[in-house]
Every structure is written in C-alpha cells, then in structure tokens.
Amino acid sequence: MAESTCARCGSTKFEMMHADKVEGATRSFLFVQCAECGAVAGVLDFINLGVQMARMKEEWQRAFERLRRNFDS
C-alpha cells in the first residue's frame, strides 16, 4: 500500500487540527494537515454524527423507560 505524503513538503506525518474560525462557516471543522509544514490535506466535519446519534438513542431509551414505568405504576 502506498504511503500518504504531503503535497507541499513530502512529509509522511499528519495531524488533526481543530478549526473554529473558518470564515462563512457556522460550525467547526477538523483539518487533516501536515505535521511538518501545516499544509491542509483534507477537512472533516467536527461533529461526529454517529456519536451524536448513539447519545440521542440512549437518551430516548431512558425517556421511554421512565414513561413506561410511570404508565405501569
């Protein structure tokens, strides 16, 4: 498998950088950037929808259980 390299400096080291001051954006992003020179190689949405959906599912399940217990008593 090929190893990813920075298009600017050729480094093979990358890091994630939180970016919350993107002009015109209403939310934060994660930049995948070269750890050596900082060139951005990709952008990810800061909000992990899978994690948020799992949390919401747990909250709904707890609420449903409370309602069920109250209805049964």
PDB file of N, CA and C in Angstrom:
ATOM      1  N   MET A   1       0.837  -1.179   0.000  1.00  0.00           N
ATOM      2  CA  MET A   1       0.000   0.000   0.000  1.00  0.00           C
ATOM      3  C   MET A   1       0.886   1.249   0.000  1.00  0.00           C
ATOM      4  N   ALA A   2       0.509   2.222  -0.765  1.00  0.00           N
ATOM      5  CA  ALA A   2       1.270   3.467  -0.848  1.00  0.00           C
ATOM      6  C   ALA A   2       1.155   4.246   0.452  1.00  0.00           C
ATOM      7  N   GLU A   3       2.196   4.992   0.769  1.00  0.00           N
ATOM      8  CA  GLU A   3       2.196   5.828   1.968  1.00  0.00           C
ATOM      9  C   GLU A   3       1.817   7.254   1.578  1.00  0.00           C
ATOM     10  N   SER A   4       0.905   7.854   2.336  1.00  0.00           N
ATOM     11  CA  SER A   4       0.480   9.230   2.053  1.00  0.00           C
ATOM     12  C   SER A   4       1.614  10.199   2.332  1.00  0.00           C
ATOM     13  N   THR A   5       1.757  11.174   1.429  1.00  0.00           N
ATOM     14  CA  THR A   5       2.795  12.196   1.598  1.00  0.00           C
ATOM     15  C   THR A   5       2.181  13.578   1.389  1.00  0.00           C
ATOM     16  N   CYS A   6       2.755  14.540   2.047  1.00  0.00           N
ATOM     17  CA  CYS A   6       2.313  15.933   1.914  1.00  0.00           C
ATOM     18  C   CYS A   6       2.651  16.432   0.516  1.00  0.00           C
ATOM     19  N   ALA A   7       1.692  17.084  -0.112  1.00  0.00           N
ATOM     20  CA  ALA A   7       1.897  17.609  -1.464  1.00  0.00           C
ATOM     21  C   ALA A   7       2.888  18.774  -1.478  1.00  0.00           C
ATOM     22  N   ARG A   8       3.041  19.452  -0.346  1.00  0.00           N
ATOM     23  CA  ARG A   8       3.936  20.604  -0.305  1.00  0.00           C
ATOM     24  C   ARG A   8       5.377  20.225   0.039  1.00  0.00           C
ATOM     25  N   CYS A   9       5.551  19.449   1.147  1.00  0.00           N
ATOM     26  CA  CYS A   9       6.922  19.196   1.611  1.00  0.00           C
ATOM     27  C   CYS A   9       7.354  17.735   1.528  1.00  0.00           C
ATOM     28  N   GLY A  10       6.421  16.828   1.235  1.00  0.00           N
ATOM     29  CA  GLY A  10       6.772  15.416   1.100  1.00  0.00           C
ATOM     30  C   GLY A  10       6.792  14.638   2.398  1.00  0.00           C
ATOM     31  N   SER A  11       6.471  15.272   3.517  1.00  0.00           N
ATOM     32  CA  SER A  11       6.449  14.593   4.817  1.00  0.00           C
ATOM     33  C   SER A  11       5.381  13.504   4.832  1.00  0.00           C
ATOM     34  N   THR A  12       5.558  12.514   5.682  1.00  0.00           N
ATOM     35  CA  THR A  12       4.565  11.443   5.835  1.00  0.00           C
ATOM     36  C   THR A  12       3.867  11.515   7.192  1.00  0.00           C
ATOM     37  N   LYS A  13       4.051  12.621   7.905  1.00  0.00           N
ATOM     38  CA  LYS A  13       3.439  12.805   9.225  1.00  0.00           C
ATOM     39  C   LYS A  13       2.279  13.788   9.114  1.00  0.00           C
ATOM     40  N   PHE A  14       1.102  13.360   9.613  1.00  0.00           N
ATOM     41  CA  PHE A  14      -0.086  14.197   9.560  1.00  0.00           C
ATOM     42  C   PHE A  14      -0.697  14.322  10.946  1.00  0.00           C
ATOM     43  N   GLU A  15      -1.506  15.355  11.137  1.00  0.00           N
ATOM     44  CA  GLU A  15      -2.170  15.585  12.412  1.00  0.00           C
ATOM     45  C   GLU A  15      -3.551  16.175  12.174  1.00  0.00           C
ATOM     46  N   MET A  16      -4.388  16.101  13.207  1.00  0.00           N
ATOM     47  CA  MET A  16      -5.724  16.711  13.158  1.00  0.00           C
ATOM     48  C   MET A  16      -5.641  18.050  13.883  1.00  0.00           C
ATOM     49  N   MET A  17      -6.229  19.074  13.294  1.00  0.00           N
ATOM     50  CA  MET A  17      -6.229  20.393  13.909  1.00  0.00           C
ATOM     51  C   MET A  17      -7.653  20.926  13.937  1.00  0.00           C
ATOM     52  N   HIS A  18      -8.127  21.296  15.125  1.00  0.00           N
ATOM     53  CA  HIS A  18      -9.466  21.860  15.264  1.00  0.00           C
ATOM     54  C   HIS A  18      -9.468  23.269  14.695  1.00  0.00           C
ATOM     55  N   ALA A  19     -10.421  23.549  13.818  1.00  0.00           N
ATOM     56  CA  ALA A  19     -10.528  24.870  13.185  1.00  0.00           C
ATOM     57  C   ALA A  19     -11.928  25.416  13.439  1.00  0.00           C
ATOM     58  N   ASP A  20     -12.018  26.446  14.278  1.00  0.00           N
ATOM     59  CA  ASP A  20     -13.328  27.010  14.588  1.00  0.00           C
ATOM     60  C   ASP A  20     -13.486  28.444  14.080  1.00  0.00           C
ATOM     61  N   LYS A  21     -12.514  28.932  13.340  1.00  0.00           N
ATOM     62  CA  LYS A  21     -12.596  30.297  12.807  1.00  0.00           C
ATOM     63  C   LYS A  21     -12.505  30.276  11.288  1.00  0.00           C
ATOM     64  N   VAL A  22     -13.401  29.507  10.667  1.00  0.00           N
ATOM     65  CA  VAL A  22     -13.447  29.420   9.211  1.00  0.00           C
ATOM     66  C   VAL A  22     -14.470  30.445   8.732  1.00  0.00           C
ATOM     67  N   GLU A  23     -14.033  31.396   7.958  1.00  0.00           N
ATOM     68  CA  GLU A  23     -14.901  32.483   7.503  1.00  0.00           C
ATOM     69  C   GLU A  23     -16.119  31.932   6.749  1.00  0.00           C
ATOM     70  N   GLY A  24     -17.293  32.391   7.142  1.00  0.00           N
ATOM     71  CA  GLY A  24     -18.528  31.982   6.492  1.00  0.00           C
ATOM     72  C   GLY A  24     -19.106  30.678   7.011  1.00  0.00           C
ATOM     73  N   ALA A  25     -18.406  29.998   7.915  1.00  0.00           N
ATOM     74  CA  ALA A  25     -18.890  28.722   8.458  1.00  0.00           C
ATOM     75  C   ALA A  25     -19.616  28.961   9.777  1.00  0.00           C
ATOM     76  N   THR A  26     -20.625  28.151  10.024  1.00  0.00           N
ATOM     77  CA  THR A  26     -21.385  28.268  11.269  1.00  0.00           C
ATOM     78  C   THR A  26     -21.027  27.174  12.265  1.00  0.00           C
ATOM     79  N   ARG A  27     -20.086  26.300  11.902  1.00  0.00           N
ATOM     80  CA  ARG A  27     -19.652  25.246  12.817  1.00  0.00           C
ATOM     81  C   ARG A  27     -18.156  25.006  12.646  1.00  0.00           C
ATOM     82  N   SER A  28     -17.619  24.163  13.498  1.00  0.00           N
ATOM     83  CA  SER A  28     -16.188  23.866  13.479  1.00  0.00           C
ATOM     84  C   SER A  28     -15.860  22.719  12.528  1.00  0.00           C
ATOM     85  N   PHE A  29     -14.595  22.632  12.184  1.00  0.00           N
ATOM     86  CA  PHE A  29     -14.094  21.575  11.320  1.00  0.00           C
ATOM     87  C   PHE A  29     -12.819  21.005  11.915  1.00  0.00           C
ATOM     88  N   LEU A  30     -12.422  19.848  11.421  1.00  0.00           N
ATOM     89  CA  LEU A  30     -11.119  19.276  11.731  1.00  0.00           C
ATOM     90  C   LEU A  30     -10.316  19.264  10.438  1.00  0.00           C
ATOM     91  N   PHE A  31      -9.141  19.875  10.481  1.00  0.00           N
ATOM     92  CA  PHE A  31      -8.257  19.846   9.334  1.00  0.00           C
ATOM     93  C   PHE A  31      -7.290  18.679   9.498  1.00  0.00           C
ATOM     94  N   VAL A  32      -7.125  17.875   8.464  1.00  0.00           N
ATOM     95  CA  VAL A  32      -6.046  16.899   8.419  1.00  0.00           C
ATOM     96  C   VAL A  32      -4.918  17.653   7.744  1.00  0.00           C
ATOM     97  N   GLN A  33      -3.848  17.867   8.485  1.00  0.00           N
ATOM     98  CA  GLN A  33      -2.780  18.695   7.947  1.00  0.00           C
ATOM     99  C   GLN A  33      -1.417  18.054   8.177  1.00  0.00           C
ATOM    100  N   CYS A  34      -0.469  18.479   7.385  1.00  0.00           N
ATOM    101  CA  CYS A  34       0.899  18.005   7.510  1.00  0.00           C
ATOM    102  C   CYS A  34       1.448  18.454   8.867  1.00  0.00           C
ATOM    103  N   ALA A  35       2.032  17.530   9.602  1.00  0.00           N
ATOM    104  CA  ALA A  35       2.589  17.856  10.913  1.00  0.00           C
ATOM    105  C   ALA A  35       3.878  18.663  10.795  1.00  0.00           C
ATOM    106  N   GLU A  36       4.489  18.649   9.619  1.00  0.00           N
ATOM    107  CA  GLU A  36       5.746  19.369   9.421  1.00  0.00           C
ATOM    108  C   GLU A  36       5.530  20.810   8.952  1.00  0.00           C
ATOM    109  N   CYS A  37       4.739  20.993   7.887  1.00  0.00           N
ATOM    110  CA  CYS A  37       4.599  22.335   7.305  1.00  0.00           C
ATOM    111  C   CYS A  37       3.208  22.947   7.490  1.00  0.00           C
ATOM    112  N   GLY A  38       2.218  22.149   7.925  1.00  0.00           N
ATOM    113  CA  GLY A  38       0.877  22.664   8.169  1.00  0.00           C
ATOM    114  C   GLY A  38      -0.025  22.715   6.955  1.00  0.00           C
ATOM    115  N   ALA A  39       0.422  22.230   5.819  1.00  0.00           N
ATOM    116  CA  ALA A  39      -0.423  22.230   4.615  1.00  0.00           C
ATOM    117  C   ALA A  39      -1.647  21.344   4.857  1.00  0.00           C
ATOM    118  N   VAL A  40      -2.830  21.849   4.526  1.00  0.00           N
ATOM    119  CA  VAL A  40      -4.065  21.105   4.739  1.00  0.00           C
ATOM    120  C   VAL A  40      -4.228  20.050   3.650  1.00  0.00           C
ATOM    121  N   ALA A  41      -4.454  18.799   4.085  1.00  0.00           N
ATOM    122  CA  ALA A  41      -4.629  17.693   3.143  1.00  0.00           C
ATOM    123  C   ALA A  41      -6.092  17.290   3.031  1.00  0.00           C
ATOM    124  N   GLY A  42      -6.908  17.650   4.018  1.00  0.00           N
ATOM    125  CA  GLY A  42      -8.321  17.284   3.999  1.00  0.00           C
ATOM    126  C   GLY A  42      -9.071  17.964   5.122  1.00  0.00           C
ATOM    127  N   VAL A  43     -10.394  17.947   5.024  1.00  0.00           N
ATOM    128  CA  VAL A  43     -11.252  18.590   6.020  1.00  0.00           C
ATOM    129  C   VAL A  43     -12.355  17.619   6.419  1.00  0.00           C
ATOM    130  N   LEU A  44     -12.603  17.521   7.722  1.00  0.00           N
ATOM    131  CA  LEU A  44     -13.671  16.683   8.262  1.00  0.00           C
ATOM    132  C   LEU A  44     -14.615  17.537   9.079  1.00  0.00           C
ATOM    133  N   ASP A  45     -15.867  17.149   9.125  1.00  0.00           N
ATOM    134  CA  ASP A  45     -16.838  17.833   9.973  1.00  0.00           C
ATOM    135  C   ASP A  45     -16.490  17.540  11.427  1.00  0.00           C
ATOM    136  N   PHE A  46     -16.460  18.556  12.263  1.00  0.00           N
ATOM    137  CA  PHE A  46     -16.102  18.386  13.670  1.00  0.00           C
ATOM    138  C   PHE A  46     -17.132  17.545  14.411  1.00  0.00           C
ATOM    139  N   ILE A  47     -18.388  17.638  14.005  1.00  0.00           N
ATOM    140  CA  ILE A  47     -19.457  16.905  14.672  1.00  0.00           C
ATOM    141  C   ILE A  47     -19.476  15.478  14.153  1.00  0.00           C
ATOM    142  N   ASN A  48     -19.306  14.532  15.043  1.00  0.00           N
ATOM    143  CA  ASN A  48     -19.374  13.121  14.679  1.00  0.00           C
ATOM    144  C   ASN A  48     -20.824  12.682  14.796  1.00  0.00           C
ATOM    145  N   LEU A  49     -21.512  12.572  13.675  1.00  0.00           N
ATOM    146  CA  LEU A  49     -22.938  12.262  13.693  1.00  0.00           C
ATOM    147  C   LEU A  49     -23.235  10.901  14.299  1.00  0.00           C
ATOM    148  N   GLY A  50     -22.370   9.932  14.079  1.00  0.00           N
ATOM    149  CA  GLY A  50     -22.585   8.608  14.652  1.00  0.00           C
ATOM    150  C   GLY A  50     -22.610   8.650  16.167  1.00  0.00           C
ATOM    151  N   VAL A  51     -21.682   9.384  16.756  1.00  0.00           N
ATOM    152  CA  VAL A  51     -21.628   9.511  18.214  1.00  0.00           C
ATOM    153  C   VAL A  51     -22.857  10.257  18.711  1.00  0.00           C
ATOM    154  N   GLN A  52     -23.224  11.329  18.033  1.00  0.00           N
ATOM    155  CA  GLN A  52     -24.406  12.092  18.446  1.00  0.00           C
ATOM    156  C   GLN A  52     -25.670  11.246  18.362  1.00  0.00           C
ATOM    157  N   MET A  53     -25.807  10.458  17.314  1.00  0.00           N
ATOM    158  CA  MET A  53     -26.996   9.617  17.166  1.00  0.00           C
ATOM    159  C   MET A  53     -27.043   8.556  18.259  1.00  0.00           C
ATOM    160  N   ALA A  54     -25.920   7.988  18.618  1.00  0.00           N
ATOM    161  CA  ALA A  54     -25.879   6.988  19.687  1.00  0.00           C
ATOM    162  C   ALA A  54     -26.293   7.618  21.010  1.00  0.00           C
ATOM    163  N   ARG A  55     -25.829   8.833  21.281  1.00  0.00           N
ATOM    164  CA  ARG A  55     -26.225   9.529  22.509  1.00  0.00           C
ATOM    165  C   ARG A  55     -27.724   9.816  22.508  1.00  0.00           C
ATOM    166  N   MET A  56     -28.236  10.268  21.378  1.00  0.00           N
ATOM    167  CA  MET A  56     -29.668  10.555  21.293  1.00  0.00           C
ATOM    168  C   MET A  56     -30.493   9.288  21.498  1.00  0.00           C
ATOM    169  N   LYS A  57     -30.037   8.181  20.928  1.00  0.00           N
ATOM    170  CA  LYS A  57     -30.738   6.913  21.087  1.00  0.00           C
ATOM    171  C   LYS A  57     -30.793   6.530  22.558  1.00  0.00           C
ATOM    172  N   GLU A  58     -29.672   6.664  23.270  1.00  0.00           N
ATOM    173  CA  GLU A  58     -29.644   6.357  24.703  1.00  0.00           C
ATOM    174  C   GLU A  58     -30.590   7.263  25.483  1.00  0.00           C
ATOM    175  N   GLU A  59     -30.606   8.550  25.156  1.00  0.00           N
ATOM    176  CA  GLU A  59     -31.499   9.490  25.838  1.00  0.00           C
ATOM    177  C   GLU A  59     -32.958   9.130  25.598  1.00  0.00           C
ATOM    178  N   TRP A  60     -33.301   8.791  24.358  1.00  0.00           N
ATOM    179  CA  TRP A  60     -34.682   8.402  24.033  1.00  0.00           C
ATOM    180  C   TRP A  60     -35.062   7.118  24.754  1.00  0.00           C
ATOM    181  N   GLN A  61     -34.139   6.163  24.820  1.00  0.00           N
ATOM    182  CA  GLN A  61     -34.432   4.906  25.512  1.00  0.00           C
ATOM    183  C   GLN A  61     -34.673   5.147  26.995  1.00  0.00           C
ATOM    184  N   ARG A  62     -33.863   5.990  27.619  1.00  0.00           N
ATOM    185  CA  ARG A  62     -34.067   6.310  29.047  1.00  0.00           C
ATOM    186  C   ARG A  62     -35.408   7.013  29.249  1.00  0.00           C
ATOM    187  N   ALA A  63     -35.730   7.950  28.376  1.00  0.00           N
ATOM    188  CA  ALA A  63     -37.006   8.664  28.493  1.00  0.00           C
ATOM    189  C   ALA A  63     -38.176   7.702  28.310  1.00  0.00           C
ATOM    190  N   PHE A  64     -38.076   6.797  27.343  1.00  0.00           N
ATOM    191  CA  PHE A  64     -39.136   5.817  27.115  1.00  0.00           C
ATOM    192  C   PHE A  64     -39.309   4.915  28.333  1.00  0.00           C
ATOM    193  N   GLU A  65     -38.199   4.492  28.930  1.00  0.00           N
ATOM    194  CA  GLU A  65     -38.274   3.650  30.130  1.00  0.00           C
ATOM    195  C   GLU A  65     -38.944   4.386  31.284  1.00  0.00           C
ATOM    196  N   ARG A  66     -38.632   5.660  31.466  1.00  0.00           N
ATOM    197  CA  ARG A  66     -39.286   6.455  32.521  1.00  0.00           C
ATOM    198  C   ARG A  66     -40.785   6.538  32.267  1.00  0.00           C
ATOM    199  N   LEU A  67     -41.157   6.806  31.013  1.00  0.00           N
ATOM    200  CA  LEU A  67     -42.578   6.881  30.680  1.00  0.00           C
ATOM    201  C   LEU A  67     -43.280   5.543  30.904  1.00  0.00           C
ATOM    202  N   ARG A  68     -42.624   4.467  30.496  1.00  0.00           N
ATOM    203  CA  ARG A  68     -43.202   3.153  30.674  1.00  0.00           C
ATOM    204  C   ARG A  68     -43.395   2.818  32.144  1.00  0.00           C
ATOM    205  N   ARG A  69     -42.401   3.123  32.978  1.00  0.00           N
ATOM    206  CA  ARG A  69     -42.520   2.861  34.419  1.00  0.00           C
ATOM    207  C   ARG A  69     -43.646   3.682  35.023  1.00  0.00           C
ATOM    208  N   ASN A  70     -43.755   4.944  34.597  1.00  0.00           N
ATOM    209  CA  ASN A  70     -44.831   5.803  35.123  1.00  0.00           C
ATOM    210  C   ASN A  70     -46.196   5.310  34.673  1.00  0.00           C
ATOM    211  N   PHE A  71     -46.286   4.816  33.468  1.00  0.00           N
ATOM    212  CA  PHE A  71     -47.558   4.321  32.936  1.00  0.00           C
ATOM    213  C   PHE A  71     -47.956   3.011  33.629  1.00  0.00           C
ATOM    214  N   ASP A  72     -46.962   2.147  33.893  1.00  0.00           N
ATOM    215  CA  ASP A  72     -47.228   0.869  34.522  1.00  0.00           C
ATOM    216  C   ASP A  72     -47.594   0.989  36.003  1.00  0.00           C
ATOM    217  N   SER A  73     -47.176   2.060  36.659  1.00  0.00           N
ATOM    218  CA  SER A  73     -47.457   2.172  38.098  1.00  0.00           C
ATOM    219  C   SER A  73     -48.751   2.871  38.409  1.00  0.00           C
TER     220      SER A  73
END
